[in-house]
Amino acid sequence: MNMHTEQFKKLIEKQLQGTLTKEEEKVFHEFENKLLKQNENKVFEDDQHRNRIKSDIKSSIARRKKRVLTFKILKAAASIAILFSLASLYFLNNTHNEQQIEIAQNDVKETQYGQKFTLTLSDGTIVKLNSDSRIIYPKKFSGSTREIELEGEAFFDVAHNPDKPFIIKTGDLSTKVLGTSFNIQAYKESKNIEVTLATGKVALYNKNKLTSNLTPSEQASFSKTSGELNIKKVDISKYIEWKEGVLRFENTSLAEASIKLEKWFGVQFKFENDQIKNCHFTGVFKNESLQNILDNISFIKPNITYKFNNDKNVTINGNCTN
């Protein structure tokens, strides 16, 4: 059973403070019991010995509140297996013959401007990552849940597992599912987090408190500043077609469109004047080049022109009345 270093630190600290949630307590004890069972004859002499160690640890941590915890163990009498438990902290404070614990780290996948990526997680869940996005996920899911973190935009086709809910954390908002398909847009610079459900059912949590449930073709928009959650019916195809190479603009300002185009093509836009930014247009493009898209905008907005300064920089010139 693997556990991320920081996660393990937090669980131990919360366990000693008596602030573990029921879910965290279950994960903690499953973790501890499994490893203790594997090494029960090599770590503690008896229950009294175990309780004495636990008491010593509490006193030791109380004296070291401001010190950064590290996790090491010593080579025990028979070179026992690594033990992630309270006993490891006891050995840390009472021995000298030590070796560094190896803890499996989470994987991180990032896409830059102009990039998209599809990955399959260890449980069979398929994730399509849009440009300028980042996902943190374990190499193998363990415990009672499947948890990942997302910044940016991704479409999820979650493998069904009623015994292990799939949880996507995006800041204060968490999306919990058993097996379904949906889109999440949670870019850092965006004011809102949008969850759009294609199939199945999802539950939304704000700071671990259940806020709402979504049904297919519903979209939840969560305000990062106010915490307000609004739900509406939408045409789901418009929010997931990006994964098929479709760019859609509906009465979109050039300022808004440029942000999407920058991510999509990995370029930067410069406007000759601010007035142009407020020019609105409508268009749908599938697997089109940036030049073709700009040609189309110039066609429907004759007073707008563009110039490629180089492969990565574009200047928009002219004026627009709407």
Protein backbone atom coordinates (compact mmCIF):
# COMPACT_ATOMS: atom_id res chain seq x y z
CA MET A 1 0.00 0.00 0.00
CA ASN A 2 1.59 3.27 -1.10
CA MET A 3 1.02 6.69 0.35
CA HIS A 4 2.33 10.11 -0.65
CA THR A 5 4.81 11.60 1.83
CA GLU A 6 2.84 14.75 2.58
CA GLN A 7 -0.41 12.82 2.85
CA PHE A 8 1.15 10.44 5.38
CA LYS A 9 2.56 13.33 7.44
CA LYS A 10 -0.81 15.04 7.58
CA LEU A 11 -2.64 11.87 8.56
CA ILE A 12 -0.24 11.18 11.43
CA GLU A 13 -0.43 14.77 12.68
CA LYS A 14 -4.23 14.76 12.50
CA GLN A 15 -4.40 11.35 14.19
CA LEU A 16 -2.34 12.59 17.12
CA GLN A 17 -4.49 15.71 17.36
CA GLY A 18 -7.69 13.69 17.18
CA THR A 19 -8.98 15.57 14.10
CA LEU A 20 -9.14 12.75 11.53
CA THR A 21 -12.38 12.53 9.55
CA LYS A 22 -14.09 9.14 9.41
CA GLU A 23 -12.80 8.58 5.88
CA GLU A 24 -9.23 9.60 6.81
CA GLU A 25 -9.35 7.44 9.93
CA LYS A 26 -10.38 4.43 7.86
CA VAL A 27 -7.52 4.99 5.37
CA PHE A 28 -5.03 5.53 8.21
CA HIS A 29 -5.98 2.35 10.10
CA GLU A 30 -6.14 0.24 6.93
CA PHE A 31 -2.64 1.42 6.14
CA GLU A 32 -1.31 0.86 9.66
CA ASN A 33 -2.99 -2.53 10.19
CA LYS A 34 -1.78 -3.97 6.91
CA LEU A 35 1.84 -3.11 7.59
CA LEU A 36 1.68 -4.07 11.25
CA LYS A 37 0.26 -7.47 10.26
CA GLN A 38 3.16 -7.97 7.89
CA ASN A 39 5.69 -7.12 10.59
CA GLU A 40 3.90 -7.85 13.87
CA ASN A 41 6.63 -10.18 15.13
CA LYS A 42 9.43 -7.80 14.19
CA VAL A 43 8.31 -4.42 15.51
CA PHE A 44 6.43 -4.70 18.81
CA GLU A 45 7.05 -7.19 21.56
CA ASP A 46 3.43 -7.07 22.76
CA ASP A 47 0.45 -4.67 23.13
CA GLN A 48 2.01 -3.07 26.18
CA HIS A 49 5.18 -2.38 24.19
CA ARG A 50 3.11 -0.88 21.37
CA ASN A 51 1.17 1.42 23.71
CA ARG A 52 4.38 2.56 25.38
CA ILE A 53 5.86 3.45 21.99
CA LYS A 54 2.75 5.41 21.05
CA SER A 55 2.92 7.34 24.31
CA ASP A 56 6.60 8.11 23.73
CA ILE A 57 5.84 9.36 20.24
CA LYS A 58 3.15 11.76 21.43
CA SER A 59 5.53 13.24 23.98
CA SER A 60 8.31 13.47 21.43
CA ILE A 61 6.16 15.23 18.82
CA ALA A 62 4.85 17.66 21.41
CA ARG A 63 8.43 18.71 22.09
CA ARG A 64 9.18 19.06 18.37
CA LYS A 65 6.13 20.90 17.02
CA LYS A 66 8.21 23.36 15.02
CA ARG A 67 10.56 20.83 13.49
CA VAL A 68 10.03 19.46 9.99
CA LEU A 69 9.20 15.74 10.14
CA THR A 70 11.26 13.35 8.03
CA PHE A 71 10.61 9.69 7.66
CA LYS A 72 13.45 7.20 8.14
CA ILE A 73 13.82 3.77 9.70
CA LEU A 74 16.70 1.69 10.94
CA LYS A 75 17.76 -1.68 9.86
CA ALA A 76 16.01 -3.72 12.50
CA ALA A 77 17.31 -7.00 13.88
CA ALA A 78 16.33 -9.00 10.81
CA SER A 79 16.35 -6.20 8.15
CA ILE A 80 12.55 -5.94 8.39
CA ALA A 81 10.32 -4.40 5.74
CA ILE A 82 9.74 -0.63 5.81
CA LEU A 83 6.98 0.28 8.26
CA PHE A 84 4.90 3.41 7.63
CA SER A 85 3.31 3.71 11.03
CA LEU A 86 3.78 5.43 14.32
CA ALA A 87 6.58 2.97 15.05
CA SER A 88 8.68 4.52 12.26
CA LEU A 89 8.63 7.86 14.08
CA TYR A 90 9.70 6.13 17.28
CA PHE A 91 12.67 4.54 15.54
CA LEU A 92 13.50 7.93 14.02
CA ASN A 93 13.90 9.53 17.43
CA ASN A 94 15.64 6.63 19.15
CA THR A 95 18.12 5.10 16.69
CA HIS A 96 21.16 6.02 14.62
CA ASN A 97 21.53 3.26 12.04
CA GLU A 98 19.04 4.62 9.50
CA GLN A 99 18.08 4.44 5.85
CA GLN A 100 15.78 6.66 3.79
CA ILE A 101 12.23 5.40 3.32
CA GLU A 102 11.17 5.08 -0.30
CA ILE A 103 7.69 6.43 -0.89
CA ALA A 104 5.92 6.21 -4.22
CA GLN A 105 5.26 9.68 -5.58
CA ASN A 106 2.26 10.84 -7.57
CA ASP A 107 2.64 11.30 -11.30
CA VAL A 108 2.14 14.72 -12.89
CA LYS A 109 1.14 15.33 -16.50
CA GLU A 110 1.17 18.86 -17.93
CA THR A 111 0.25 20.20 -21.35
CA GLN A 112 1.65 23.45 -22.70
CA TYR A 113 -0.03 25.92 -25.04
CA GLY A 114 -0.80 24.14 -28.30
CA GLN A 115 -0.68 20.66 -26.72
CA LYS A 116 -3.33 18.07 -25.87
CA PHE A 117 -2.85 14.67 -24.31
CA THR A 118 -4.83 11.50 -23.59
CA LEU A 119 -3.86 9.18 -20.75
CA THR A 120 -5.33 6.09 -19.15
CA LEU A 121 -5.13 5.84 -15.35
CA SER A 122 -4.41 2.60 -13.49
CA ASP A 123 -8.14 1.90 -12.95
CA GLY A 124 -8.94 2.22 -16.66
CA THR A 125 -10.26 5.80 -16.46
CA ILE A 126 -9.52 7.76 -19.65
CA VAL A 127 -8.55 11.43 -19.33
CA LYS A 128 -8.31 13.83 -22.26
CA LEU A 129 -6.26 16.82 -21.16
CA ASN A 130 -6.74 20.13 -22.97
CA SER A 131 -4.00 22.72 -23.58
CA ASP A 132 -2.37 24.51 -20.64
CA SER A 133 -3.62 21.93 -18.14
CA ARG A 134 -2.16 19.87 -15.31
CA ILE A 135 -3.25 16.65 -13.61
CA ILE A 136 -1.76 15.00 -10.51
CA TYR A 137 -2.60 11.32 -10.07
CA PRO A 138 -1.19 8.21 -8.35
CA LYS A 139 0.51 5.49 -10.34
CA LYS A 140 -1.86 3.07 -8.66
CA PHE A 141 -5.01 3.89 -6.69
CA SER A 142 -5.09 2.58 -3.12
CA GLY A 143 -7.42 3.03 -0.18
CA SER A 144 -11.16 3.57 -0.36
CA THR A 145 -11.18 6.35 -2.99
CA ARG A 146 -9.55 7.31 -6.31
CA GLU A 147 -8.36 10.90 -5.94
CA ILE A 148 -6.66 13.21 -8.44
CA GLU A 149 -6.07 16.96 -8.78
CA LEU A 150 -6.76 19.07 -11.89
CA GLU A 151 -5.86 22.56 -13.03
CA GLY A 152 -7.05 23.52 -16.50
CA GLU A 153 -9.52 21.52 -18.57
CA ALA A 154 -10.08 17.80 -19.04
CA PHE A 155 -12.72 15.34 -20.16
CA PHE A 156 -13.08 12.24 -17.99
CA ASP A 157 -14.50 8.84 -18.90
CA VAL A 158 -14.36 7.26 -15.44
CA ALA A 159 -14.15 3.48 -15.02
CA HIS A 160 -17.10 2.33 -12.92
CA ASN A 161 -16.27 1.12 -9.41
CA PRO A 162 -19.06 1.44 -6.81
CA ASP A 163 -16.63 0.58 -4.02
CA LYS A 164 -14.12 3.32 -4.86
CA PRO A 165 -15.52 6.76 -5.71
CA PHE A 166 -13.49 8.82 -8.17
CA ILE A 167 -12.76 12.33 -6.84
CA ILE A 168 -11.36 15.27 -8.83
CA LYS A 169 -10.11 18.15 -6.71
CA THR A 170 -10.11 21.63 -8.28
CA GLY A 171 -9.41 24.12 -5.50
CA ASP A 172 -12.33 24.29 -3.06
CA LEU A 173 -14.59 22.30 -5.38
CA SER A 174 -14.46 18.50 -5.52
CA THR A 175 -16.33 16.35 -8.03
CA LYS A 176 -17.20 12.84 -6.86
CA VAL A 177 -18.36 10.04 -9.18
CA LEU A 178 -18.55 6.26 -9.33
CA GLY A 179 -18.31 5.90 -13.10
CA THR A 180 -19.44 8.44 -15.68
CA SER A 181 -18.26 10.93 -18.32
CA PHE A 182 -18.01 14.68 -17.87
CA ASN A 183 -15.95 17.78 -18.58
CA ILE A 184 -14.24 20.04 -16.05
CA GLN A 185 -12.88 23.48 -16.87
CA ALA A 186 -10.83 24.92 -14.02
CA TYR A 187 -8.17 27.20 -15.44
CA LYS A 188 -6.22 29.19 -12.89
CA GLU A 189 -7.08 32.54 -14.46
CA SER A 190 -10.80 31.76 -14.80
CA LYS A 191 -13.26 33.23 -12.29
CA ASN A 192 -15.39 30.09 -12.34
CA ILE A 193 -14.98 26.32 -12.31
CA GLU A 194 -17.36 24.59 -14.72
CA VAL A 195 -18.44 20.94 -14.45
CA THR A 196 -20.51 19.70 -17.39
CA LEU A 197 -22.03 16.22 -17.18
CA ALA A 198 -22.38 13.99 -20.27
CA THR A 199 -23.48 10.68 -18.76
CA GLY A 200 -24.13 9.24 -15.32
CA LYS A 201 -24.26 11.29 -12.15
CA VAL A 202 -21.81 13.40 -10.13
CA ALA A 203 -21.84 14.95 -6.68
CA LEU A 204 -20.21 18.34 -6.06
CA TYR A 205 -18.56 19.24 -2.77
CA ASN A 206 -17.47 22.69 -1.62
CA LYS A 207 -14.80 22.31 1.05
CA ASN A 208 -15.92 18.72 1.68
CA LYS A 209 -19.57 19.72 2.11
CA LEU A 210 -22.08 18.29 -0.37
CA THR A 211 -23.39 21.16 -2.48
CA SER A 212 -25.32 19.60 -5.33
CA ASN A 213 -25.81 16.63 -7.65
CA LEU A 214 -25.74 16.85 -11.44
CA THR A 215 -27.67 14.84 -14.01
CA PRO A 216 -26.79 14.51 -17.74
CA SER A 217 -26.70 17.74 -19.77
CA GLU A 218 -26.45 19.86 -16.63
CA GLN A 219 -23.60 22.28 -16.02
CA ALA A 220 -22.50 23.61 -12.65
CA SER A 221 -20.66 26.93 -12.53
CA PHE A 222 -18.81 27.50 -9.25
CA SER A 223 -17.57 31.00 -8.37
CA LYS A 224 -14.07 30.91 -6.90
CA THR A 225 -14.63 34.19 -5.06
CA SER A 226 -18.16 33.90 -3.65
CA GLY A 227 -18.49 30.12 -3.52
CA GLU A 228 -21.86 30.43 -5.27
CA LEU A 229 -22.93 27.47 -7.40
CA ASN A 230 -25.29 27.86 -10.36
CA ILE A 231 -26.70 24.92 -12.33
CA LYS A 232 -28.26 25.07 -15.79
CA LYS A 233 -29.21 22.81 -18.68
CA VAL A 234 -26.82 22.99 -21.64
CA ASP A 235 -26.12 21.42 -25.02
CA ILE A 236 -23.42 19.04 -23.83
CA SER A 237 -21.85 18.71 -27.29
CA LYS A 238 -20.72 22.34 -27.21
CA TYR A 239 -18.65 21.74 -24.09
CA ILE A 240 -16.93 18.50 -25.00
CA GLU A 241 -16.35 18.97 -28.74
CA TRP A 242 -12.90 20.47 -28.07
CA LYS A 243 -11.57 16.94 -27.66
CA GLU A 244 -12.55 16.29 -31.28
CA GLY A 245 -10.64 19.34 -32.52
CA VAL A 246 -13.59 21.76 -32.58
CA LEU A 247 -13.26 25.43 -31.61
CA ARG A 248 -16.57 27.22 -31.06
CA PHE A 249 -17.13 30.96 -30.68
CA GLU A 250 -20.65 32.27 -30.07
CA ASN A 251 -20.86 36.05 -29.99
CA THR A 252 -17.39 35.94 -28.46
CA SER A 253 -15.20 39.01 -28.07
CA LEU A 254 -11.78 38.99 -29.70
CA ALA A 255 -10.28 39.41 -26.24
CA GLU A 256 -11.91 36.16 -25.06
CA ALA A 257 -11.23 34.39 -28.33
CA SER A 258 -7.55 35.30 -28.24
CA ILE A 259 -7.13 33.57 -24.86
CA LYS A 260 -8.57 30.34 -26.25
CA LEU A 261 -6.56 30.62 -29.48
CA GLU A 262 -3.34 31.23 -27.55
CA LYS A 263 -3.84 28.01 -25.58
CA TRP A 264 -4.96 26.07 -28.65
CA PHE A 265 -2.13 27.09 -30.98
CA GLY A 266 0.64 28.13 -28.61
CA VAL A 267 0.85 31.73 -29.84
CA GLN A 268 0.56 35.21 -28.34
CA PHE A 269 -1.73 37.99 -29.56
CA LYS A 270 -1.11 41.71 -29.49
CA PHE A 271 -3.89 44.22 -30.20
CA GLU A 272 -3.21 47.52 -31.93
CA ASN A 273 -5.81 49.15 -29.69
CA ASP A 274 -8.21 48.13 -26.90
CA GLN A 275 -11.27 48.90 -28.99
CA ILE A 276 -10.60 45.87 -31.20
CA LYS A 277 -10.77 43.57 -28.17
CA ASN A 278 -14.49 44.28 -27.81
CA CYS A 279 -15.29 43.14 -31.36
CA HIS A 280 -17.61 40.10 -31.23
CA PHE A 281 -17.99 37.27 -33.75
CA THR A 282 -19.48 33.79 -34.16
CA GLY A 283 -17.82 30.81 -35.79
CA VAL A 284 -17.23 27.06 -35.48
CA PHE A 285 -13.95 25.54 -36.68
CA LYS A 286 -12.90 21.90 -36.78
CA ASN A 287 -9.22 21.07 -37.11
CA GLU A 288 -8.59 24.40 -38.84
CA SER A 289 -5.26 26.20 -38.91
CA LEU A 290 -4.85 29.48 -37.05
CA GLN A 291 -4.41 31.32 -40.35
CA ASN A 292 -7.72 29.96 -41.69
CA ILE A 293 -9.51 31.02 -38.51
CA LEU A 294 -8.06 34.53 -38.70
CA ASP A 295 -8.94 34.73 -42.40
CA ASN A 296 -12.53 33.87 -41.49
CA ILE A 297 -12.64 36.55 -38.79
CA SER A 298 -11.26 39.12 -41.21
CA PHE A 299 -13.87 38.11 -43.78
CA ILE A 300 -16.86 38.60 -41.46
CA LYS A 301 -15.23 41.67 -39.86
CA PRO A 302 -13.72 43.54 -42.88
CA ASN A 303 -12.15 46.27 -40.76
CA ILE A 304 -10.07 43.73 -38.84
CA THR A 305 -6.68 42.63 -40.17
CA TYR A 306 -3.91 40.50 -38.73
CA LYS A 307 -0.19 40.03 -39.15
CA PHE A 308 2.10 37.16 -38.16
CA ASN A 309 5.21 38.79 -36.68
CA ASN A 310 6.70 35.29 -36.40
CA ASP A 311 5.44 31.76 -35.75
CA LYS A 312 4.50 32.62 -32.16
CA ASN A 313 3.30 36.23 -32.33
CA VAL A 314 0.28 37.76 -34.05
CA THR A 315 -0.82 41.40 -34.15
CA ILE A 316 -4.49 42.32 -34.66
CA ASN A 317 -5.12 45.69 -36.33
CA GLY A 318 -8.10 47.79 -37.35
CA ASN A 319 -11.36 48.71 -35.65
CA CYS A 320 -14.75 47.24 -35.01
CA THR A 321 -18.17 48.62 -34.09
CA ASN A 322 -19.57 45.48 -32.47
